[in-house]
């Protein structure tokens, strides 16, 4: 499975143009049901707003949807969707709520406002890259632990936990594309004395 980009947490933004106020909200989601739930919650949060424009992109079935919610076609939902796609994000929903300020913004003004509100929310949600990792449990002697210590503390390896018993048990994860090289290296350093258990895979960042 390939890695993917999304946002780490909920991001919120505010953008104002000619007294029209745009509130952006970006949220990481895992399904269309979650995306629709976020949209519904935002509508309840701003019940008196006229427009709740949204877009979402999901890994599941490569789903991609957007809504102008009454704004002129192409001026709202598509700019929000483009903000997600141009950042290479998936499993992300963005809702931009507009309070009309009494002055028409025109096509260019609407596109700019919805784009700025969406990008602000996305950036505040902190873009992250999830990679596919293989989880390992290593069992090594204390002397072998000293030998592998500098190697397993490299930037490419993430240590989750170390337990000290009669031997040392190390729980860590390695990018799945490098798992074979990792096992070979551990075996070489310990002269094949290390017990290496593959515990499966998971996405992490």
N, C-alpha and C. Protein backbone atom coordinates (compact mmCIF):
# COMPACT_ATOMS: atom_id res chain seq x y z
N UNK A 1 0.84 -1.20 0.00
CA UNK A 1 0.00 0.00 0.00
C UNK A 1 0.87 1.25 0.00
N UNK A 2 0.49 2.21 -0.80
CA UNK A 2 1.26 3.45 -0.90
C UNK A 2 0.90 4.40 0.23
N UNK A 3 1.81 5.33 0.51
CA UNK A 3 1.54 6.35 1.50
C UNK A 3 0.57 7.40 0.95
N UNK A 4 0.14 8.31 1.82
CA UNK A 4 -0.79 9.34 1.38
C UNK A 4 -0.65 10.57 2.27
N UNK A 5 -1.15 11.71 1.77
CA UNK A 5 -1.11 12.97 2.51
C UNK A 5 -2.51 13.32 2.99
N UNK A 6 -2.59 13.83 4.20
CA UNK A 6 -3.86 14.31 4.74
C UNK A 6 -3.53 15.41 5.74
N UNK A 7 -4.49 15.78 6.57
CA UNK A 7 -4.20 16.74 7.63
C UNK A 7 -4.24 16.02 8.97
N UNK A 8 -3.49 16.55 9.92
CA UNK A 8 -3.34 15.89 11.21
C UNK A 8 -4.53 16.10 12.12
N UNK A 9 -5.16 17.26 12.03
CA UNK A 9 -6.21 17.63 12.99
C UNK A 9 -7.16 18.64 12.33
N UNK A 10 -8.20 19.00 13.04
CA UNK A 10 -9.13 20.02 12.58
C UNK A 10 -8.40 21.36 12.43
N UNK A 11 -8.65 22.03 11.30
CA UNK A 11 -8.08 23.35 11.08
C UNK A 11 -9.19 24.35 10.82
N UNK A 12 -9.08 25.54 11.38
CA UNK A 12 -10.12 26.57 11.24
C UNK A 12 -9.49 27.86 10.72
N UNK A 13 -10.23 28.57 9.87
CA UNK A 13 -9.72 29.85 9.35
C UNK A 13 -10.87 30.85 9.24
N UNK A 14 -10.48 32.11 9.08
CA UNK A 14 -11.46 33.19 8.86
C UNK A 14 -10.91 34.13 7.80
N UNK A 15 -11.72 34.44 6.81
CA UNK A 15 -11.29 35.35 5.75
C UNK A 15 -12.42 36.34 5.49
N UNK A 16 -12.06 37.61 5.35
CA UNK A 16 -13.08 38.64 5.13
C UNK A 16 -12.78 39.42 3.87
N UNK A 17 -13.81 39.66 3.08
CA UNK A 17 -13.67 40.47 1.87
C UNK A 17 -14.94 41.30 1.69
N UNK A 18 -14.78 42.62 1.68
CA UNK A 18 -15.91 43.55 1.50
C UNK A 18 -17.07 43.20 2.43
N UNK A 19 -16.73 42.97 3.69
CA UNK A 19 -17.66 42.68 4.78
C UNK A 19 -18.33 41.31 4.70
N UNK A 20 -18.05 40.54 3.64
CA UNK A 20 -18.47 39.14 3.64
C UNK A 20 -17.42 38.35 4.42
N UNK A 21 -17.90 37.51 5.33
CA UNK A 21 -16.99 36.73 6.17
C UNK A 21 -17.09 35.25 5.79
N UNK A 22 -15.93 34.63 5.62
CA UNK A 22 -15.85 33.22 5.22
C UNK A 22 -15.14 32.44 6.33
N UNK A 23 -15.82 31.45 6.89
CA UNK A 23 -15.23 30.59 7.91
C UNK A 23 -14.90 29.24 7.29
N UNK A 24 -13.63 28.90 7.34
CA UNK A 24 -13.19 27.62 6.78
C UNK A 24 -12.96 26.60 7.88
N UNK A 25 -13.30 25.35 7.58
CA UNK A 25 -13.08 24.26 8.53
C UNK A 25 -12.62 23.04 7.77
N UNK A 26 -11.42 22.56 8.08
CA UNK A 26 -10.86 21.37 7.44
C UNK A 26 -10.72 20.27 8.49
N UNK A 27 -11.14 19.06 8.14
CA UNK A 27 -11.15 17.96 9.11
C UNK A 27 -10.68 16.67 8.44
N UNK A 28 -9.79 15.90 9.09
CA UNK A 28 -9.43 14.59 8.55
C UNK A 28 -10.57 13.60 8.77
N UNK A 29 -10.89 12.82 7.74
CA UNK A 29 -11.98 11.84 7.83
C UNK A 29 -11.53 10.53 7.17
N UNK A 30 -12.24 9.46 7.47
CA UNK A 30 -11.90 8.14 6.90
C UNK A 30 -12.96 7.59 5.97
N UNK A 31 -14.14 8.23 5.94
CA UNK A 31 -15.23 7.69 5.14
C UNK A 31 -16.16 8.81 4.69
N UNK A 32 -17.02 8.49 3.73
CA UNK A 32 -18.00 9.48 3.26
C UNK A 32 -18.99 9.80 4.37
N UNK A 33 -19.32 8.81 5.18
CA UNK A 33 -20.23 9.03 6.31
C UNK A 33 -19.65 10.07 7.27
N UNK A 34 -18.36 9.97 7.55
CA UNK A 34 -17.71 10.94 8.43
C UNK A 34 -17.70 12.32 7.80
N UNK A 35 -17.42 12.40 6.50
CA UNK A 35 -17.38 13.68 5.80
C UNK A 35 -18.75 14.36 5.86
N UNK A 36 -19.81 13.61 5.61
CA UNK A 36 -21.16 14.16 5.65
C UNK A 36 -21.54 14.59 7.06
N UNK A 37 -21.04 13.87 8.05
CA UNK A 37 -21.31 14.24 9.44
C UNK A 37 -20.64 15.57 9.78
N UNK A 38 -19.41 15.77 9.30
CA UNK A 38 -18.70 17.04 9.52
C UNK A 38 -19.48 18.19 8.88
N UNK A 39 -19.92 17.99 7.65
CA UNK A 39 -20.68 19.03 6.94
C UNK A 39 -21.94 19.38 7.72
N UNK A 40 -22.64 18.37 8.21
CA UNK A 40 -23.86 18.60 8.99
C UNK A 40 -23.58 19.37 10.27
N UNK A 41 -22.49 19.04 10.94
CA UNK A 41 -22.13 19.73 12.19
C UNK A 41 -21.78 21.19 11.95
N UNK A 42 -21.09 21.46 10.84
CA UNK A 42 -20.74 22.85 10.52
C UNK A 42 -22.00 23.65 10.23
N UNK A 43 -22.95 23.05 9.54
CA UNK A 43 -24.21 23.75 9.25
C UNK A 43 -24.95 24.09 10.55
N UNK A 44 -24.89 23.20 11.51
CA UNK A 44 -25.53 23.46 12.81
C UNK A 44 -24.77 24.51 13.60
N UNK A 45 -23.45 24.57 13.37
CA UNK A 45 -22.61 25.56 14.05
C UNK A 45 -22.92 26.98 13.58
N UNK A 46 -23.24 27.11 12.28
CA UNK A 46 -23.56 28.42 11.70
C UNK A 46 -24.95 28.35 11.05
N UNK A 47 -26.01 28.21 11.83
CA UNK A 47 -27.35 27.96 11.28
C UNK A 47 -27.92 29.14 10.49
N UNK A 48 -27.44 30.33 10.76
CA UNK A 48 -28.00 31.51 10.08
C UNK A 48 -27.20 31.92 8.84
N UNK A 49 -26.19 31.15 8.48
CA UNK A 49 -25.40 31.47 7.28
C UNK A 49 -26.15 31.01 6.04
N UNK A 50 -25.94 31.72 4.94
CA UNK A 50 -26.66 31.41 3.70
C UNK A 50 -26.00 30.29 2.90
N UNK A 51 -24.66 30.21 2.94
CA UNK A 51 -23.95 29.23 2.13
C UNK A 51 -22.99 28.39 2.98
N UNK A 52 -23.06 27.09 2.79
CA UNK A 52 -22.11 26.15 3.39
C UNK A 52 -21.49 25.35 2.25
N UNK A 53 -20.46 25.88 1.68
CA UNK A 53 -19.79 25.25 0.54
C UNK A 53 -18.83 24.19 1.05
N UNK A 54 -18.77 23.05 0.36
CA UNK A 54 -17.87 22.00 0.85
C UNK A 54 -17.26 21.21 -0.29
N UNK A 55 -16.20 20.48 0.07
CA UNK A 55 -15.57 19.52 -0.85
C UNK A 55 -14.86 18.49 0.01
N UNK A 56 -14.80 17.26 -0.50
CA UNK A 56 -14.02 16.24 0.20
C UNK A 56 -13.45 15.24 -0.79
N UNK A 57 -12.30 14.68 -0.38
CA UNK A 57 -11.59 13.67 -1.18
C UNK A 57 -11.27 12.51 -0.25
N UNK A 58 -11.56 11.29 -0.71
CA UNK A 58 -11.36 10.10 0.11
C UNK A 58 -10.55 9.05 -0.63
N UNK A 59 -9.74 8.31 0.11
CA UNK A 59 -9.04 7.17 -0.49
C UNK A 59 -10.03 6.07 -0.84
N UNK A 60 -11.03 5.88 -0.01
CA UNK A 60 -12.02 4.83 -0.21
C UNK A 60 -12.77 5.05 -1.52
N UNK A 61 -12.56 4.15 -2.48
CA UNK A 61 -13.19 4.22 -3.80
C UNK A 61 -12.85 5.50 -4.57
N UNK A 62 -11.77 6.19 -4.17
CA UNK A 62 -11.33 7.42 -4.84
C UNK A 62 -12.47 8.44 -4.96
N UNK A 63 -13.25 8.57 -3.91
CA UNK A 63 -14.40 9.47 -3.91
C UNK A 63 -13.94 10.92 -3.87
N UNK A 64 -14.61 11.76 -4.67
CA UNK A 64 -14.30 13.19 -4.74
C UNK A 64 -15.61 13.94 -5.00
N UNK A 65 -16.04 14.77 -4.06
CA UNK A 65 -17.31 15.47 -4.23
C UNK A 65 -17.18 16.93 -3.77
N UNK A 66 -18.08 17.77 -4.31
CA UNK A 66 -18.11 19.17 -3.88
C UNK A 66 -19.50 19.75 -4.10
N UNK A 67 -19.77 20.87 -3.44
CA UNK A 67 -21.05 21.56 -3.59
C UNK A 67 -20.84 23.06 -3.54
N UNK A 68 -21.50 23.78 -4.47
CA UNK A 68 -21.48 25.25 -4.45
C UNK A 68 -22.49 25.81 -3.47
N UNK A 69 -23.46 25.00 -3.07
CA UNK A 69 -24.51 25.39 -2.12
C UNK A 69 -25.13 26.76 -2.45
N UNK A 70 -25.52 26.91 -3.69
CA UNK A 70 -26.23 28.12 -4.08
C UNK A 70 -25.37 29.23 -4.64
N UNK A 71 -24.07 29.14 -4.51
CA UNK A 71 -23.17 30.14 -5.11
C UNK A 71 -23.09 29.87 -6.63
N UNK A 72 -22.71 30.89 -7.43
CA UNK A 72 -22.59 30.68 -8.87
C UNK A 72 -21.66 29.51 -9.20
N UNK A 73 -22.05 28.72 -10.16
CA UNK A 73 -21.30 27.51 -10.51
C UNK A 73 -19.83 27.81 -10.80
N UNK A 74 -18.95 27.03 -10.19
CA UNK A 74 -17.52 27.17 -10.43
C UNK A 74 -16.83 28.19 -9.54
N UNK A 75 -17.58 28.91 -8.70
CA UNK A 75 -16.96 29.97 -7.88
C UNK A 75 -16.68 29.55 -6.44
N UNK A 76 -17.17 28.39 -6.04
CA UNK A 76 -17.12 28.05 -4.62
C UNK A 76 -16.63 26.62 -4.37
N UNK A 77 -17.48 25.65 -4.70
CA UNK A 77 -17.13 24.26 -4.43
C UNK A 77 -15.86 23.81 -5.14
N UNK A 78 -15.72 24.19 -6.41
CA UNK A 78 -14.53 23.78 -7.17
C UNK A 78 -13.25 24.40 -6.62
N UNK A 79 -13.23 25.69 -6.27
CA UNK A 79 -12.02 26.24 -5.64
C UNK A 79 -11.66 25.54 -4.32
N UNK A 80 -12.67 25.15 -3.55
CA UNK A 80 -12.40 24.43 -2.30
C UNK A 80 -11.81 23.06 -2.62
N UNK A 81 -12.41 22.37 -3.60
CA UNK A 81 -11.88 21.07 -4.01
C UNK A 81 -10.46 21.20 -4.54
N UNK A 82 -10.21 22.23 -5.34
CA UNK A 82 -8.86 22.45 -5.89
C UNK A 82 -7.84 22.69 -4.78
N UNK A 83 -8.27 23.33 -3.70
CA UNK A 83 -7.36 23.57 -2.58
C UNK A 83 -6.94 22.25 -1.93
N UNK A 84 -7.83 21.29 -1.90
CA UNK A 84 -7.50 19.96 -1.37
C UNK A 84 -6.58 19.23 -2.34
N UNK A 85 -6.96 19.24 -3.62
CA UNK A 85 -6.21 18.47 -4.63
C UNK A 85 -4.82 19.03 -4.88
N UNK A 86 -4.69 20.35 -4.91
CA UNK A 86 -3.37 20.95 -5.19
C UNK A 86 -2.38 20.69 -4.07
N UNK A 87 -2.89 20.41 -2.89
CA UNK A 87 -2.01 20.02 -1.78
C UNK A 87 -1.78 18.52 -1.74
N UNK A 88 -2.40 17.79 -2.68
CA UNK A 88 -2.22 16.35 -2.76
C UNK A 88 -2.86 15.59 -1.61
N UNK A 89 -3.94 16.16 -1.03
CA UNK A 89 -4.54 15.57 0.15
C UNK A 89 -5.64 14.58 -0.19
N UNK A 90 -5.85 13.65 0.71
CA UNK A 90 -6.99 12.76 0.65
C UNK A 90 -7.50 12.56 2.07
N UNK A 91 -8.63 11.86 2.21
CA UNK A 91 -9.26 11.67 3.52
C UNK A 91 -9.40 13.01 4.24
N UNK A 92 -9.87 13.99 3.49
CA UNK A 92 -10.00 15.36 4.01
C UNK A 92 -11.30 15.98 3.53
N UNK A 93 -12.02 16.64 4.43
CA UNK A 93 -13.21 17.41 4.07
C UNK A 93 -12.97 18.86 4.47
N UNK A 94 -13.38 19.78 3.60
CA UNK A 94 -13.27 21.21 3.89
C UNK A 94 -14.64 21.84 3.67
N UNK A 95 -15.10 22.58 4.67
CA UNK A 95 -16.36 23.31 4.58
C UNK A 95 -16.06 24.79 4.76
N UNK A 96 -16.58 25.61 3.84
CA UNK A 96 -16.42 27.07 3.97
C UNK A 96 -17.81 27.69 4.08
N UNK A 97 -18.06 28.34 5.19
CA UNK A 97 -19.34 28.98 5.47
C UNK A 97 -19.24 30.47 5.19
N UNK A 98 -20.21 31.00 4.45
CA UNK A 98 -20.17 32.43 4.09
C UNK A 98 -21.32 33.20 4.71
N UNK A 99 -20.96 34.34 5.32
CA UNK A 99 -21.94 35.33 5.75
C UNK A 99 -21.85 36.51 4.79
N UNK A 100 -22.92 36.78 4.08
CA UNK A 100 -22.93 37.84 3.05
C UNK A 100 -22.85 39.22 3.69
N UNK A 101 -21.94 40.05 3.14
CA UNK A 101 -21.72 41.36 3.73
C UNK A 101 -22.43 42.50 3.03
N UNK A 102 -23.28 42.18 2.04
CA UNK A 102 -24.06 43.22 1.36
C UNK A 102 -23.50 43.69 0.05
N UNK A 103 -22.26 43.31 -0.26
CA UNK A 103 -21.62 43.72 -1.52
C UNK A 103 -21.28 42.48 -2.34
N UNK A 104 -21.71 42.45 -3.61
CA UNK A 104 -21.38 41.33 -4.48
C UNK A 104 -19.88 41.31 -4.76
N UNK A 105 -19.29 40.14 -4.70
CA UNK A 105 -17.85 40.03 -4.87
C UNK A 105 -17.44 39.72 -6.30
N UNK A 106 -18.38 39.30 -7.12
CA UNK A 106 -18.03 38.92 -8.49
C UNK A 106 -17.37 37.55 -8.52
N UNK A 107 -17.24 37.01 -9.71
CA UNK A 107 -16.68 35.67 -9.86
C UNK A 107 -15.28 35.56 -9.29
N UNK A 108 -14.42 36.50 -9.65
CA UNK A 108 -13.03 36.46 -9.17
C UNK A 108 -12.94 36.61 -7.68
N UNK A 109 -13.75 37.47 -7.11
CA UNK A 109 -13.73 37.69 -5.67
C UNK A 109 -14.19 36.47 -4.90
N UNK A 110 -15.21 35.79 -5.41
CA UNK A 110 -15.70 34.58 -4.76
C UNK A 110 -14.66 33.46 -4.80
N UNK A 111 -14.07 33.28 -5.97
CA UNK A 111 -13.04 32.23 -6.12
C UNK A 111 -11.89 32.49 -5.15
N UNK A 112 -11.44 33.73 -5.09
CA UNK A 112 -10.34 34.08 -4.21
C UNK A 112 -10.71 33.86 -2.74
N UNK A 113 -11.90 34.29 -2.36
CA UNK A 113 -12.32 34.17 -0.96
C UNK A 113 -12.47 32.72 -0.53
N UNK A 114 -13.12 31.92 -1.34
CA UNK A 114 -13.30 30.51 -0.98
C UNK A 114 -11.97 29.77 -0.97
N UNK A 115 -11.09 30.13 -1.89
CA UNK A 115 -9.76 29.51 -1.92
C UNK A 115 -8.97 29.87 -0.68
N UNK A 116 -8.96 31.14 -0.31
CA UNK A 116 -8.19 31.59 0.85
C UNK A 116 -8.71 30.95 2.14
N UNK A 117 -10.03 30.89 2.28
CA UNK A 117 -10.61 30.30 3.49
C UNK A 117 -10.28 28.81 3.57
N UNK A 118 -10.35 28.12 2.42
CA UNK A 118 -10.05 26.68 2.40
C UNK A 118 -8.58 26.42 2.70
N UNK A 119 -7.69 27.17 2.05
CA UNK A 119 -6.25 26.97 2.27
C UNK A 119 -5.85 27.31 3.71
N UNK A 120 -6.46 28.34 4.26
CA UNK A 120 -6.17 28.70 5.65
C UNK A 120 -6.54 27.58 6.61
N UNK A 121 -7.70 26.99 6.39
CA UNK A 121 -8.14 25.88 7.25
C UNK A 121 -7.23 24.67 7.09
N UNK A 122 -6.87 24.36 5.84
CA UNK A 122 -5.99 23.21 5.56
C UNK A 122 -4.63 23.40 6.24
N UNK A 123 -4.05 24.58 6.08
CA UNK A 123 -2.73 24.83 6.67
C UNK A 123 -2.77 24.78 8.18
N UNK A 124 -3.86 25.24 8.77
CA UNK A 124 -3.98 25.19 10.22
C UNK A 124 -4.25 23.77 10.72
N UNK A 125 -4.66 22.90 9.81
CA UNK A 125 -4.86 21.49 10.17
C UNK A 125 -3.58 20.69 10.12
N UNK A 126 -2.50 21.29 9.62
CA UNK A 126 -1.17 20.68 9.57
C UNK A 126 -1.11 19.48 8.62
N UNK A 127 -0.59 19.71 7.43
CA UNK A 127 -0.47 18.66 6.42
C UNK A 127 0.59 17.64 6.86
N UNK A 128 0.25 16.37 6.78
CA UNK A 128 1.18 15.30 7.14
C UNK A 128 1.17 14.22 6.07
N UNK A 129 2.23 13.42 6.04
CA UNK A 129 2.34 12.31 5.11
C UNK A 129 2.32 11.01 5.89
N UNK A 130 1.34 10.17 5.60
CA UNK A 130 1.29 8.84 6.20
C UNK A 130 2.02 7.87 5.28
N UNK A 131 2.98 7.14 5.85
CA UNK A 131 3.68 6.08 5.13
C UNK A 131 3.24 4.73 5.67
N UNK A 132 3.43 3.71 4.85
CA UNK A 132 3.12 2.36 5.29
C UNK A 132 4.34 1.79 6.02
N UNK A 133 4.16 1.44 7.28
CA UNK A 133 5.25 0.93 8.11
C UNK A 133 5.02 -0.55 8.45
N UNK A 134 6.12 -1.27 8.60
CA UNK A 134 6.08 -2.63 9.12
C UNK A 134 6.50 -2.60 10.58
N UNK A 135 5.72 -3.25 11.43
CA UNK A 135 5.99 -3.28 12.86
C UNK A 135 6.84 -4.51 13.20
N UNK A 136 7.84 -4.30 14.03
CA UNK A 136 8.73 -5.40 14.42
C UNK A 136 8.85 -5.49 15.94
N UNK A 137 9.04 -6.72 16.41
CA UNK A 137 9.47 -6.97 17.77
C UNK A 137 10.84 -7.64 17.68
N UNK A 138 11.85 -7.03 18.30
CA UNK A 138 13.19 -7.60 18.32
C UNK A 138 13.50 -8.11 19.72
N UNK A 139 14.06 -9.29 19.81
CA UNK A 139 14.56 -9.81 21.08
C UNK A 139 16.06 -10.00 20.94
N UNK A 140 16.82 -9.27 21.76
CA UNK A 140 18.28 -9.33 21.66
C UNK A 140 18.90 -9.38 23.05
N UNK A 141 20.12 -9.85 23.12
CA UNK A 141 20.86 -9.83 24.39
C UNK A 141 21.28 -8.38 24.69
N UNK A 142 21.69 -8.15 25.93
CA UNK A 142 22.11 -6.80 26.30
C UNK A 142 23.35 -6.36 25.50
N UNK A 143 24.26 -7.28 25.25
CA UNK A 143 25.46 -6.92 24.48
C UNK A 143 25.09 -6.60 23.02
N UNK A 144 24.16 -7.37 22.44
CA UNK A 144 23.74 -7.08 21.07
C UNK A 144 22.92 -5.80 21.00
N UNK A 145 22.20 -5.51 22.09
CA UNK A 145 21.44 -4.26 22.13
C UNK A 145 22.37 -3.06 22.00
N UNK A 146 23.51 -3.12 22.66
CA UNK A 146 24.48 -2.03 22.55
C UNK A 146 25.01 -1.92 21.11
N UNK A 147 25.14 -3.03 20.44
CA UNK A 147 25.66 -3.03 19.07
C UNK A 147 24.66 -2.42 18.07
N UNK A 148 23.37 -2.67 18.29
CA UNK A 148 22.37 -2.18 17.32
C UNK A 148 21.79 -0.82 17.70
N UNK A 149 22.18 -0.33 18.89
CA UNK A 149 21.54 0.88 19.42
C UNK A 149 21.63 2.08 18.49
N UNK A 150 22.81 2.36 17.95
CA UNK A 150 22.95 3.52 17.08
C UNK A 150 22.17 3.33 15.78
N UNK A 151 22.11 2.10 15.28
CA UNK A 151 21.38 1.83 14.04
C UNK A 151 19.88 2.04 14.21
N UNK A 152 19.31 1.51 15.29
CA UNK A 152 17.85 1.62 15.45
C UNK A 152 17.42 3.03 15.88
N UNK A 153 18.37 3.86 16.26
CA UNK A 153 18.04 5.25 16.60
C UNK A 153 18.22 6.20 15.43
N UNK A 154 18.32 5.66 14.23
CA UNK A 154 18.44 6.50 13.04
C UNK A 154 17.08 7.10 12.70
N UNK A 155 17.08 8.10 11.84
CA UNK A 155 15.85 8.82 11.51
C UNK A 155 14.82 7.95 10.80
N UNK A 156 15.26 6.88 10.13
CA UNK A 156 14.35 6.06 9.34
C UNK A 156 13.62 5.00 10.16
N UNK A 157 13.97 4.89 11.43
CA UNK A 157 13.37 3.87 12.29
C UNK A 157 12.68 4.56 13.46
N UNK A 158 11.46 4.13 13.77
CA UNK A 158 10.71 4.72 14.87
C UNK A 158 10.55 3.69 15.99
N UNK A 159 11.12 4.00 17.14
CA UNK A 159 11.03 3.10 18.28
C UNK A 159 9.76 3.42 19.08
N UNK A 160 8.94 2.42 19.30
CA UNK A 160 7.71 2.59 20.09
C UNK A 160 7.92 2.30 21.57
N UNK A 161 8.68 1.22 21.87
CA UNK A 161 8.84 0.83 23.27
C UNK A 161 10.05 -0.11 23.40
N UNK A 162 10.72 -0.03 24.53
CA UNK A 162 11.81 -0.96 24.85
C UNK A 162 11.53 -1.55 26.23
N UNK A 163 11.57 -2.88 26.32
CA UNK A 163 11.33 -3.57 27.59
C UNK A 163 12.58 -4.36 27.97
N UNK A 164 12.94 -4.26 29.24
CA UNK A 164 14.16 -4.92 29.73
C UNK A 164 13.79 -6.11 30.61
N UNK A 165 14.10 -7.29 30.13
CA UNK A 165 13.89 -8.53 30.88
C UNK A 165 15.25 -9.24 30.97
N UNK A 166 15.23 -10.58 30.87
CA UNK A 166 16.50 -11.31 30.79
C UNK A 166 17.24 -10.92 29.52
N UNK A 167 16.44 -10.53 28.51
CA UNK A 167 16.99 -9.94 27.28
C UNK A 167 16.26 -8.61 27.05
N UNK A 168 16.51 -8.00 25.93
CA UNK A 168 15.87 -6.72 25.61
C UNK A 168 14.87 -6.93 24.49
N UNK A 169 13.63 -6.46 24.69
CA UNK A 169 12.62 -6.51 23.64
C UNK A 169 12.38 -5.09 23.14
N UNK A 170 12.48 -4.93 21.83
CA UNK A 170 12.34 -3.61 21.21
C UNK A 170 11.18 -3.66 20.23
N UNK A 171 10.26 -2.73 20.40
CA UNK A 171 9.12 -2.62 19.49
C UNK A 171 9.33 -1.37 18.65
N UNK A 172 9.38 -1.56 17.35
CA UNK A 172 9.68 -0.43 16.46
C UNK A 172 9.00 -0.62 15.12
N UNK A 173 9.09 0.43 14.29
CA UNK A 173 8.51 0.34 12.96
C UNK A 173 9.47 0.93 11.93
N UNK A 174 9.40 0.34 10.73
CA UNK A 174 10.28 0.70 9.62
C UNK A 174 9.40 0.86 8.38
N UNK A 175 9.73 1.82 7.53
CA UNK A 175 8.98 1.95 6.28
C UNK A 175 8.99 0.61 5.55
N UNK A 176 7.80 0.21 5.10
CA UNK A 176 7.67 -1.14 4.56
C UNK A 176 8.58 -1.43 3.38
N UNK A 177 8.92 -0.41 2.62
CA UNK A 177 9.81 -0.61 1.49
C UNK A 177 11.24 -0.92 1.91
N UNK A 178 11.55 -0.70 3.20
CA UNK A 178 12.91 -0.92 3.69
C UNK A 178 12.99 -2.07 4.69
N UNK A 179 11.89 -2.83 4.83
CA UNK A 179 11.86 -3.87 5.87
C UNK A 179 12.87 -4.99 5.62
N UNK A 180 13.06 -5.39 4.35
CA UNK A 180 14.02 -6.48 4.08
C UNK A 180 15.45 -6.06 4.41
N UNK A 181 15.77 -4.82 4.03
CA UNK A 181 17.10 -4.29 4.33
C UNK A 181 17.31 -4.18 5.84
N UNK A 182 16.26 -3.77 6.55
CA UNK A 182 16.32 -3.65 8.00
C UNK A 182 16.62 -5.02 8.64
N UNK A 183 15.89 -6.04 8.23
CA UNK A 183 16.09 -7.37 8.80
C UNK A 183 17.51 -7.89 8.52
N UNK A 184 17.99 -7.64 7.31
CA UNK A 184 19.35 -8.06 6.96
C UNK A 184 20.39 -7.37 7.83
N UNK A 185 20.18 -6.06 8.05
CA UNK A 185 21.14 -5.28 8.84
C UNK A 185 21.18 -5.76 10.29
N UNK A 186 19.99 -5.97 10.88
CA UNK A 186 19.93 -6.46 12.26
C UNK A 186 20.59 -7.82 12.37
N UNK A 187 20.31 -8.68 11.41
CA UNK A 187 20.91 -10.02 11.42
C UNK A 187 22.43 -9.95 11.31
N UNK A 188 22.92 -9.05 10.44
CA UNK A 188 24.37 -8.90 10.27
C UNK A 188 25.04 -8.39 11.54
N UNK A 189 24.46 -7.36 12.15
CA UNK A 189 25.07 -6.76 13.34
C UNK A 189 25.13 -7.75 14.49
N UNK A 190 24.09 -8.57 14.63
CA UNK A 190 24.01 -9.49 15.77
C UNK A 190 24.47 -10.90 15.41
N UNK A 191 25.02 -11.06 14.21
CA UNK A 191 25.45 -12.39 13.75
C UNK A 191 24.30 -13.40 13.84
N UNK A 192 23.10 -12.92 13.44
CA UNK A 192 21.88 -13.73 13.37
C UNK A 192 21.35 -14.18 14.73
N UNK A 193 21.83 -13.55 15.80
CA UNK A 193 21.35 -13.93 17.13
C UNK A 193 20.02 -13.26 17.48
N UNK A 194 19.72 -12.14 16.87
CA UNK A 194 18.48 -11.43 17.17
C UNK A 194 17.27 -12.24 16.70
N UNK A 195 16.23 -12.26 17.52
CA UNK A 195 14.95 -12.86 17.12
C UNK A 195 14.08 -11.74 16.58
N UNK A 196 13.72 -11.84 15.30
CA UNK A 196 12.99 -10.76 14.63
C UNK A 196 11.58 -11.25 14.31
N UNK A 197 10.58 -10.61 14.91
CA UNK A 197 9.18 -10.96 14.64
C UNK A 197 8.50 -9.82 13.89
N UNK A 198 7.94 -10.15 12.74
CA UNK A 198 7.17 -9.18 11.95
C UNK A 198 5.74 -9.18 12.50
N UNK A 199 5.29 -8.02 12.99
CA UNK A 199 3.98 -7.91 13.62
C UNK A 199 2.91 -7.34 12.70
N UNK A 200 3.24 -7.15 11.43
CA UNK A 200 2.25 -6.62 10.49
C UNK A 200 2.54 -5.20 10.07
N UNK A 201 1.56 -4.59 9.40
CA UNK A 201 1.75 -3.25 8.85
C UNK A 201 0.71 -2.27 9.35
N UNK A 202 1.06 -0.99 9.31
CA UNK A 202 0.11 0.07 9.64
C UNK A 202 0.58 1.37 9.02
N UNK A 203 -0.34 2.29 8.82
CA UNK A 203 0.01 3.63 8.35
C UNK A 203 0.39 4.49 9.55
N UNK A 204 1.45 5.28 9.38
CA UNK A 204 1.87 6.17 10.45
C UNK A 204 2.64 7.33 9.81
N UNK A 205 2.94 8.34 10.60
CA UNK A 205 3.69 9.50 10.10
C UNK A 205 4.74 9.92 11.09
